[in-house]
Amino acid sequence: MSFSCRRTRLYSLSLFLLAGWVTLANVSACASQHALVARRTAEPAGTAWFAPALVSEQTMLARWSGAVGPPVARNRAAEPVRATRAIVLVSWNVAVGDGDVEKLVADVRRAQPESELVLLLQETYRQGASVPAMLLADAIVPRRLGGAHPRGFRDVESIAERCGLNLYYVPSMRNGIPALSSEDRGNAILSTLPLEDLSAIELPFERQRRVAVAATVSGRDPDGAQWRIKFVSAHLDNLVGAKRLWIAGGAFARARQARALVDYVEADEVAVLGGDFNTWFGFGDPAFVETHRAFPGTKVTDRRPTFLNVLRLDHLFFRVPGDWSASFVRGARSYGSDHWPLIATIRIG
């Protein structure tokens, strides 16, 4: 090979590497724009709503939100508050109806009947007339996920009703065009304890609309001391487009969404954040690193994969007082989902 040919190839390689560096630098710079603003008071009345500060992102998110139904907040009839020292917490991607939530709840209740229960669910769905059948021309509708379910099979409202749980559900996106389904899908919190101080958090837009949900539960321990915990259920993007390098760019995108979540819970002294973080790079993924830095007390003792028994995509993060403890493991079964649940015990006082 002649010297001039080698020089030409070296020059081309340099340009390629420079272009890649510029692309990653641009993606990284975009990842710094993660600020949220209090946008409006949402339905149901009194629910706080947060959205990206960038107007361009708010405009895009509005096209996605135009295809979904309203959030659902439902606390059952008030029951006498019982003292407790333990909460069983489950964080789980239920794969749009494939995961058998009721079976998991029954197993958890059988194992720890005296504990309160909180579920942080991702990729759950709602089915029915509240999901609009007529859409605006610019509405964005992703493809449908999950099997063909009969009405009330495993939609989130039916699960909450049959399990006797309080519910807060906010759809992120529609689940298929109106001709194929009357469904939307998103994140939810279900609990044996009443859900208060509800918030919806539209994350910085990357590839799809993602809305995290937050709620506070409260109670007292057997000594009479009052306690409050903020719970957040989130689902981050897995990929971005080709212009931003798919998986590689997705890592920066998730980091931006994770920073928004971290900022949201920064003022909460006691907080638990769980969900499907889509961490393709496991515990080295920027989304995990960013979030763990804000929850330094989180101890991961079970590092087994949670997605198809190959990747660790799901995580739990804790910020609790020094005299509390929080530990978690991967569940023994996937209960029909392509994700294994993470099951935690929070011991109070």
Foldseek 3Di string as FASTA:
>chain_A
DDPVVVVVVVVVVVVVVVVVVVLQVVLLVVLVQWAKDFDDQFPPGPATEIERPDPVQVVVQVLFVQQFFGKDFDDDDDDDFDADFKEKEKEEECFAQQFDPVVVVVVVCVVPVRHKYKYKYWFAKAADDRRDQDGDPSRDADEATDDDDDPLRRHPVSSCVVVVWTKIDDFQGARHHSVVGSMTGAIMMIIPFHWANKYWYFTRDFAGTWIKIKTKGWGHHPVGHIDIEIEIHTAADQFHDVSSPTRVSSLSRLLSRLVNVLVVCVPPQWYKYWYFSNQQVACPRNSNVNNCVSQVVDDAPERFDFAQRPHNRIDMGTRDDPVKDKDWYFDPDCNRGRTTMIMMMIGHD
